Amino acid sequence: MAWVSLIFAGIFEMIGVAMISKLHRDRNWQSIVLLIVGFGASFLLLAFAMKTLPMGTAYAIWTGIGASGGAVLGMFLYGESKDWKRIVFISMVLGAAIGLKLVS
């Protein structure tokens, strides 16, 4: 259950990051609410996962999902570059997170 909550924590982190970008474009209350809900849920789920998982592993996977997911969302939602080099490095971040799970 801790791994499931950690994955959802990373997804909510992605939502929070996407809402920061959206807030810069559209200053409205919906973006602010989604930003607060995204990061709030992310931190709560991370805290729940860290009751079982080691802190270093949980934090590394949480940031890996958030960082790579944020980059992918930027590519598809905000027209950021889809250069092959970016995709290779995003894959490396995800590969490292999966490797941590395998050795934990």
Protein backbone atom coordinates (compact mmCIF):
# COMPACT_ATOMS: atom_id res chain seq x y z
CA MET A 1 0.00 0.00 0.00
CA ALA A 2 2.92 2.34 0.67
CA TRP A 3 4.13 2.03 -2.93
CA VAL A 4 0.67 2.84 -4.28
CA SER A 5 0.43 5.93 -2.10
CA LEU A 6 3.94 6.96 -3.17
CA ILE A 7 2.98 6.71 -6.85
CA PHE A 8 -0.15 8.79 -6.23
CA ALA A 9 1.95 11.27 -4.26
CA GLY A 10 4.13 11.69 -7.35
CA ILE A 11 1.07 12.14 -9.56
CA PHE A 12 -0.32 14.84 -7.27
CA GLU A 13 3.12 16.47 -7.31
CA MET A 14 2.84 16.61 -11.10
CA ILE A 15 -0.58 18.25 -10.78
CA GLY A 16 0.82 20.83 -8.37
CA VAL A 17 3.71 21.66 -10.71
CA ALA A 18 1.37 21.93 -13.71
CA MET A 19 -0.84 24.30 -11.73
CA ILE A 20 2.14 26.57 -10.99
CA SER A 21 2.61 26.96 -14.74
CA LYS A 22 -1.13 27.42 -15.29
CA LEU A 23 -1.26 30.03 -12.52
CA HIS A 24 1.42 32.07 -14.30
CA ARG A 25 -0.74 32.06 -17.43
CA ASP A 26 -4.23 32.38 -15.93
CA ARG A 27 -4.56 34.06 -12.58
CA ASN A 28 -7.78 32.46 -11.36
CA TRP A 29 -9.00 30.83 -8.20
CA GLN A 30 -9.37 27.36 -9.78
CA SER A 31 -5.62 27.20 -10.47
CA ILE A 32 -4.83 28.23 -6.90
CA VAL A 33 -7.21 25.64 -5.44
CA LEU A 34 -5.83 22.87 -7.66
CA LEU A 35 -2.27 23.89 -6.76
CA ILE A 36 -3.02 23.69 -3.03
CA VAL A 37 -4.93 20.40 -3.39
CA GLY A 38 -2.19 18.90 -5.58
CA PHE A 39 0.69 19.71 -3.27
CA GLY A 40 -1.35 19.02 -0.12
CA ALA A 41 -2.37 15.56 -1.29
CA SER A 42 1.17 14.92 -2.48
CA PHE A 43 2.70 15.69 0.92
CA LEU A 44 0.07 13.70 2.82
CA LEU A 45 0.54 10.63 0.62
CA LEU A 46 4.32 10.95 0.83
CA ALA A 47 4.11 11.10 4.62
CA PHE A 48 1.92 7.99 4.63
CA ALA A 49 4.37 6.12 2.38
CA MET A 50 7.31 7.11 4.58
CA LYS A 51 5.76 5.28 7.54
CA THR A 52 6.81 2.06 5.79
CA LEU A 53 9.41 2.95 3.17
CA PRO A 54 12.90 4.32 3.88
CA MET A 55 13.03 8.10 3.64
CA GLY A 56 15.77 8.21 0.99
CA THR A 57 14.00 5.77 -1.32
CA ALA A 58 10.58 7.37 -0.89
CA TYR A 59 11.88 10.89 -1.45
CA ALA A 60 13.96 9.92 -4.49
CA ILE A 61 11.03 8.16 -6.17
CA TRP A 62 8.61 10.97 -5.28
CA THR A 63 10.88 13.62 -6.77
CA GLY A 64 11.64 11.41 -9.77
CA ILE A 65 7.97 11.00 -10.60
CA GLY A 66 7.32 14.70 -10.01
CA ALA A 67 10.30 15.93 -12.03
CA SER A 68 9.94 13.60 -14.99
CA GLY A 69 6.16 13.87 -14.98
CA GLY A 70 6.37 17.65 -14.85
CA ALA A 71 8.72 17.64 -17.82
CA VAL A 72 6.41 15.36 -19.80
CA LEU A 73 3.37 17.49 -18.92
CA GLY A 74 5.29 20.55 -20.06
CA MET A 75 5.96 18.88 -23.39
CA PHE A 76 2.36 17.89 -24.02
CA LEU A 77 0.39 20.67 -22.35
CA TYR A 78 2.62 23.72 -22.72
CA GLY A 79 4.49 23.10 -25.97
CA GLU A 80 7.95 22.61 -24.47
CA SER A 81 10.65 20.97 -26.57
CA LYS A 82 10.29 17.24 -27.28
CA ASP A 83 13.95 16.85 -28.22
CA TRP A 84 15.22 13.28 -28.04
CA LYS A 85 17.91 14.27 -25.52
CA ARG A 86 15.24 15.45 -23.06
CA ILE A 87 13.39 12.17 -23.45
CA VAL A 88 16.61 10.19 -22.83
CA PHE A 89 17.31 12.04 -19.59
CA ILE A 90 13.71 11.76 -18.41
CA SER A 91 13.99 8.01 -19.05
CA MET A 92 17.17 7.94 -16.98
CA VAL A 93 15.39 9.57 -14.04
CA LEU A 94 12.57 7.04 -14.27
CA GLY A 95 15.05 4.19 -14.64
CA ALA A 96 16.85 5.30 -11.49
CA ALA A 97 13.56 5.41 -9.56
CA ILE A 98 12.66 1.90 -10.74
CA GLY A 99 16.17 0.73 -9.80
CA LEU A 100 15.72 2.09 -6.27
CA LYS A 101 12.48 0.18 -5.95
CA LEU A 102 14.16 -3.03 -7.12
CA VAL A 103 16.98 -2.79 -4.58
CA SER A 104 14.80 -1.64 -1.66
